[in-house]
Amino acid sequence: MTIKNSQRLTDNQEQYLKNLMIKLEEGSIPKQTVKETLSALNKLGREHIANPLKVIATLQTNISAKLLEEHFIANLKAGTSKREVILSLYLTGS
């Protein structure tokens, strides 16, 4: 799929592709998922692989958008979360 062909994609689909490329470069997509997706893309055949809509549909079917999200811990900024302090007192009967 080329940039020229991607003109038919929606903004959401383009963002999905950008996120997918980043996650693939980071190596954060499970190897088995990548393997299954590659197999599904190979099954499309030459005539359908040139169709960006079929390619994006295959990618979205095999790679969940949840895998492309940042981990919630990575989004927390230091000091922005509330802290809970538990105070306890031990009394003795003297």
N, C-alpha and C. Protein backbone atom coordinates (compact mmCIF):
# COMPACT_ATOMS: atom_id res chain seq x y z
N MET A 1 0.86 -1.17 0.00
CA MET A 1 0.00 0.00 0.00
C MET A 1 0.90 1.23 0.00
N THR A 2 0.61 2.14 -0.87
CA THR A 2 1.43 3.34 -0.99
C THR A 2 0.67 4.55 -0.51
N ILE A 3 1.38 5.64 -0.34
CA ILE A 3 0.75 6.88 0.08
C ILE A 3 -0.27 7.33 -0.96
N LYS A 4 0.03 7.11 -2.22
CA LYS A 4 -0.88 7.51 -3.29
C LYS A 4 -2.22 6.77 -3.16
N ASN A 5 -2.16 5.49 -2.84
CA ASN A 5 -3.38 4.70 -2.67
C ASN A 5 -4.11 5.03 -1.38
N SER A 6 -3.40 5.59 -0.41
CA SER A 6 -4.02 5.83 0.89
C SER A 6 -4.96 7.02 0.89
N GLN A 7 -5.09 7.71 -0.24
CA GLN A 7 -6.00 8.85 -0.31
C GLN A 7 -7.45 8.42 -0.10
N ARG A 8 -7.73 7.14 -0.29
CA ARG A 8 -9.09 6.65 -0.12
C ARG A 8 -9.39 6.24 1.32
N LEU A 9 -8.39 6.32 2.20
CA LEU A 9 -8.57 5.92 3.59
C LEU A 9 -9.13 7.08 4.41
N THR A 10 -9.87 6.73 5.45
CA THR A 10 -10.38 7.76 6.36
C THR A 10 -9.26 8.20 7.29
N ASP A 11 -9.50 9.27 8.01
CA ASP A 11 -8.51 9.75 8.98
C ASP A 11 -8.25 8.69 10.05
N ASN A 12 -9.30 8.01 10.49
CA ASN A 12 -9.14 6.97 11.51
C ASN A 12 -8.29 5.82 11.00
N GLN A 13 -8.48 5.45 9.75
CA GLN A 13 -7.70 4.36 9.16
C GLN A 13 -6.23 4.77 9.02
N GLU A 14 -6.00 6.01 8.62
CA GLU A 14 -4.63 6.49 8.51
C GLU A 14 -3.94 6.52 9.87
N GLN A 15 -4.68 6.95 10.89
CA GLN A 15 -4.13 6.97 12.25
C GLN A 15 -3.84 5.56 12.74
N TYR A 16 -4.72 4.62 12.41
CA TYR A 16 -4.51 3.22 12.76
C TYR A 16 -3.21 2.71 12.13
N LEU A 17 -3.00 3.02 10.86
CA LEU A 17 -1.78 2.60 10.17
C LEU A 17 -0.53 3.21 10.79
N LYS A 18 -0.60 4.49 11.14
CA LYS A 18 0.56 5.15 11.77
C LYS A 18 0.88 4.48 13.10
N ASN A 19 -0.16 4.25 13.91
CA ASN A 19 0.04 3.60 15.21
C ASN A 19 0.58 2.18 15.03
N LEU A 20 0.07 1.49 14.04
CA LEU A 20 0.53 0.12 13.76
C LEU A 20 2.02 0.12 13.39
N MET A 21 2.43 1.04 12.54
CA MET A 21 3.84 1.09 12.14
C MET A 21 4.74 1.38 13.34
N ILE A 22 4.29 2.28 14.21
CA ILE A 22 5.08 2.61 15.41
C ILE A 22 5.21 1.38 16.30
N LYS A 23 4.10 0.70 16.54
CA LYS A 23 4.12 -0.48 17.42
C LYS A 23 4.94 -1.62 16.81
N LEU A 24 4.89 -1.76 15.50
CA LEU A 24 5.71 -2.79 14.85
C LEU A 24 7.19 -2.46 14.99
N GLU A 25 7.54 -1.19 14.83
CA GLU A 25 8.95 -0.79 14.98
C GLU A 25 9.42 -0.99 16.41
N GLU A 26 8.53 -0.75 17.38
CA GLU A 26 8.88 -0.95 18.79
C GLU A 26 8.96 -2.43 19.15
N GLY A 27 8.30 -3.26 18.34
CA GLY A 27 8.26 -4.69 18.65
C GLY A 27 7.24 -5.04 19.71
N SER A 28 6.22 -4.21 19.86
CA SER A 28 5.24 -4.45 20.92
C SER A 28 4.01 -5.23 20.47
N ILE A 29 3.96 -5.62 19.20
CA ILE A 29 2.88 -6.47 18.72
C ILE A 29 3.36 -7.92 18.88
N PRO A 30 2.54 -8.79 19.49
CA PRO A 30 2.95 -10.18 19.68
C PRO A 30 3.33 -10.85 18.35
N LYS A 31 4.37 -11.67 18.42
CA LYS A 31 4.91 -12.31 17.23
C LYS A 31 3.86 -13.17 16.53
N GLN A 32 3.05 -13.90 17.30
CA GLN A 32 2.02 -14.76 16.72
C GLN A 32 0.97 -13.94 15.97
N THR A 33 0.62 -12.77 16.51
CA THR A 33 -0.34 -11.89 15.86
C THR A 33 0.20 -11.40 14.52
N VAL A 34 1.47 -11.03 14.50
CA VAL A 34 2.10 -10.56 13.26
C VAL A 34 2.13 -11.70 12.24
N LYS A 35 2.45 -12.88 12.71
CA LYS A 35 2.52 -14.05 11.82
C LYS A 35 1.16 -14.36 11.19
N GLU A 36 0.10 -14.34 12.02
CA GLU A 36 -1.26 -14.61 11.53
C GLU A 36 -1.71 -13.52 10.56
N THR A 37 -1.37 -12.29 10.85
CA THR A 37 -1.74 -11.17 9.98
C THR A 37 -1.03 -11.27 8.63
N LEU A 38 0.25 -11.60 8.65
CA LEU A 38 0.99 -11.77 7.41
C LEU A 38 0.40 -12.89 6.57
N SER A 39 -0.01 -13.96 7.23
CA SER A 39 -0.64 -15.08 6.53
C SER A 39 -1.95 -14.64 5.87
N ALA A 40 -2.75 -13.85 6.62
CA ALA A 40 -4.02 -13.35 6.07
C ALA A 40 -3.78 -12.41 4.89
N LEU A 41 -2.74 -11.59 4.97
CA LEU A 41 -2.42 -10.68 3.87
C LEU A 41 -1.96 -11.46 2.64
N ASN A 42 -1.21 -12.53 2.85
CA ASN A 42 -0.76 -13.36 1.73
C ASN A 42 -1.94 -14.05 1.05
N LYS A 43 -2.98 -14.36 1.82
CA LYS A 43 -4.16 -15.02 1.26
C LYS A 43 -5.00 -14.07 0.39
N LEU A 44 -4.78 -12.78 0.54
CA LEU A 44 -5.55 -11.82 -0.27
C LEU A 44 -5.27 -11.98 -1.76
N GLY A 45 -4.06 -12.32 -2.10
CA GLY A 45 -3.72 -12.45 -3.51
C GLY A 45 -3.28 -11.13 -4.10
N ARG A 46 -2.70 -11.21 -5.27
CA ARG A 46 -2.13 -10.02 -5.91
C ARG A 46 -3.17 -8.98 -6.28
N GLU A 47 -4.33 -9.42 -6.75
CA GLU A 47 -5.34 -8.45 -7.19
C GLU A 47 -5.94 -7.66 -6.03
N HIS A 48 -6.03 -8.28 -4.84
CA HIS A 48 -6.65 -7.60 -3.69
C HIS A 48 -5.63 -6.87 -2.82
N ILE A 49 -4.37 -7.27 -2.89
CA ILE A 49 -3.36 -6.63 -2.06
C ILE A 49 -3.12 -5.18 -2.48
N ALA A 50 -3.46 -4.84 -3.73
CA ALA A 50 -3.31 -3.47 -4.21
C ALA A 50 -4.46 -2.57 -3.75
N ASN A 51 -5.51 -3.18 -3.22
CA ASN A 51 -6.67 -2.42 -2.76
C ASN A 51 -6.45 -2.04 -1.28
N PRO A 52 -6.22 -0.76 -0.99
CA PRO A 52 -5.93 -0.35 0.38
C PRO A 52 -7.06 -0.63 1.35
N LEU A 53 -8.30 -0.61 0.87
CA LEU A 53 -9.43 -0.87 1.76
C LEU A 53 -9.45 -2.33 2.22
N LYS A 54 -9.10 -3.24 1.33
CA LYS A 54 -9.05 -4.66 1.71
C LYS A 54 -7.88 -4.92 2.65
N VAL A 55 -6.77 -4.25 2.40
CA VAL A 55 -5.59 -4.43 3.25
C VAL A 55 -5.87 -3.91 4.65
N ILE A 56 -6.44 -2.71 4.77
CA ILE A 56 -6.72 -2.14 6.09
C ILE A 56 -7.77 -2.97 6.82
N ALA A 57 -8.74 -3.49 6.10
CA ALA A 57 -9.75 -4.35 6.73
C ALA A 57 -9.10 -5.61 7.28
N THR A 58 -8.18 -6.19 6.54
CA THR A 58 -7.48 -7.39 7.00
C THR A 58 -6.63 -7.07 8.23
N LEU A 59 -5.94 -5.94 8.19
CA LEU A 59 -5.12 -5.55 9.33
C LEU A 59 -5.98 -5.32 10.57
N GLN A 60 -7.08 -4.61 10.41
CA GLN A 60 -7.95 -4.31 11.55
C GLN A 60 -8.62 -5.55 12.09
N THR A 61 -8.88 -6.53 11.24
CA THR A 61 -9.48 -7.78 11.68
C THR A 61 -8.49 -8.59 12.52
N ASN A 62 -7.23 -8.56 12.13
CA ASN A 62 -6.23 -9.40 12.79
C ASN A 62 -5.49 -8.71 13.93
N ILE A 63 -5.39 -7.40 13.89
CA ILE A 63 -4.66 -6.66 14.93
C ILE A 63 -5.62 -5.69 15.61
N SER A 64 -5.97 -6.02 16.82
CA SER A 64 -6.92 -5.22 17.58
C SER A 64 -6.37 -3.82 17.85
N ALA A 65 -7.25 -2.84 17.85
CA ALA A 65 -6.85 -1.47 18.15
C ALA A 65 -6.34 -1.37 19.59
N LYS A 66 -6.78 -2.27 20.45
CA LYS A 66 -6.31 -2.27 21.85
C LYS A 66 -4.80 -2.52 21.93
N LEU A 67 -4.28 -3.32 20.98
CA LEU A 67 -2.84 -3.58 20.97
C LEU A 67 -2.04 -2.33 20.60
N LEU A 68 -2.69 -1.38 19.98
CA LEU A 68 -2.01 -0.18 19.52
C LEU A 68 -2.08 0.96 20.54
N GLU A 69 -2.86 0.78 21.57
CA GLU A 69 -3.00 1.83 22.58
C GLU A 69 -1.80 1.83 23.50
N GLU A 70 -1.52 2.98 24.06
CA GLU A 70 -0.46 3.08 25.06
C GLU A 70 -0.94 2.39 26.32
N HIS A 71 -0.01 1.81 27.02
CA HIS A 71 -0.34 1.19 28.30
C HIS A 71 -0.72 2.30 29.26
N PHE A 72 -1.71 2.06 30.10
CA PHE A 72 -2.23 3.14 30.95
C PHE A 72 -1.16 3.66 31.91
N ILE A 73 -0.22 2.85 32.31
CA ILE A 73 0.85 3.30 33.20
C ILE A 73 1.75 4.30 32.47
N ALA A 74 1.97 4.08 31.19
CA ALA A 74 2.83 4.99 30.42
C ALA A 74 2.21 6.37 30.31
N ASN A 75 0.89 6.46 30.40
CA ASN A 75 0.22 7.75 30.27
C ASN A 75 0.18 8.55 31.57
N LEU A 76 0.44 7.89 32.69
CA LEU A 76 0.45 8.60 33.96
C LEU A 76 1.70 9.46 34.07
N LYS A 77 1.52 10.67 34.48
CA LYS A 77 2.67 11.54 34.67
C LYS A 77 3.03 11.50 36.15
N ALA A 78 4.28 11.61 36.43
CA ALA A 78 4.75 11.57 37.82
C ALA A 78 4.09 12.68 38.62
N GLY A 79 3.50 12.33 39.74
CA GLY A 79 2.92 13.31 40.64
C GLY A 79 1.51 13.74 40.28
N THR A 80 0.93 13.22 39.23
CA THR A 80 -0.41 13.66 38.86
C THR A 80 -1.48 12.78 39.49
N SER A 81 -1.11 11.60 39.92
CA SER A 81 -2.12 10.73 40.53
C SER A 81 -2.25 11.06 42.01
N LYS A 82 -3.42 10.83 42.55
CA LYS A 82 -3.66 11.10 43.96
C LYS A 82 -2.98 10.02 44.78
N ARG A 83 -2.48 10.43 45.91
CA ARG A 83 -1.85 9.50 46.82
C ARG A 83 -2.76 9.29 48.00
N GLU A 84 -2.74 8.08 48.49
CA GLU A 84 -3.53 7.76 49.67
C GLU A 84 -2.56 7.44 50.79
N VAL A 85 -2.68 8.16 51.88
CA VAL A 85 -1.82 7.94 53.02
C VAL A 85 -2.67 7.38 54.15
N ILE A 86 -2.26 6.25 54.67
CA ILE A 86 -3.00 5.63 55.77
C ILE A 86 -2.22 5.85 57.05
N LEU A 87 -2.86 6.53 57.96
CA LEU A 87 -2.25 6.80 59.25
C LEU A 87 -2.85 5.84 60.26
N SER A 88 -2.01 5.26 61.06
CA SER A 88 -2.52 4.37 62.08
C SER A 88 -1.89 4.74 63.40
N LEU A 89 -2.57 4.41 64.47
CA LEU A 89 -2.11 4.74 65.80
C LEU A 89 -2.26 3.51 66.66
N TYR A 90 -1.23 3.17 67.37
CA TYR A 90 -1.26 2.01 68.24
C TYR A 90 -1.29 2.51 69.66
N LEU A 91 -2.33 2.23 70.38
CA LEU A 91 -2.49 2.67 71.75
C LEU A 91 -2.23 1.51 72.70
N THR A 92 -1.51 1.80 73.73
CA THR A 92 -1.30 0.78 74.76
C THR A 92 -2.03 1.19 76.02
N GLY A 93 -2.47 0.23 76.76
CA GLY A 93 -3.22 0.53 78.02
C GLY A 93 -2.30 0.60 79.21
N SER A 94 -1.54 1.67 79.39
CA SER A 94 -0.67 1.79 80.54
C SER A 94 -1.27 2.59 81.65
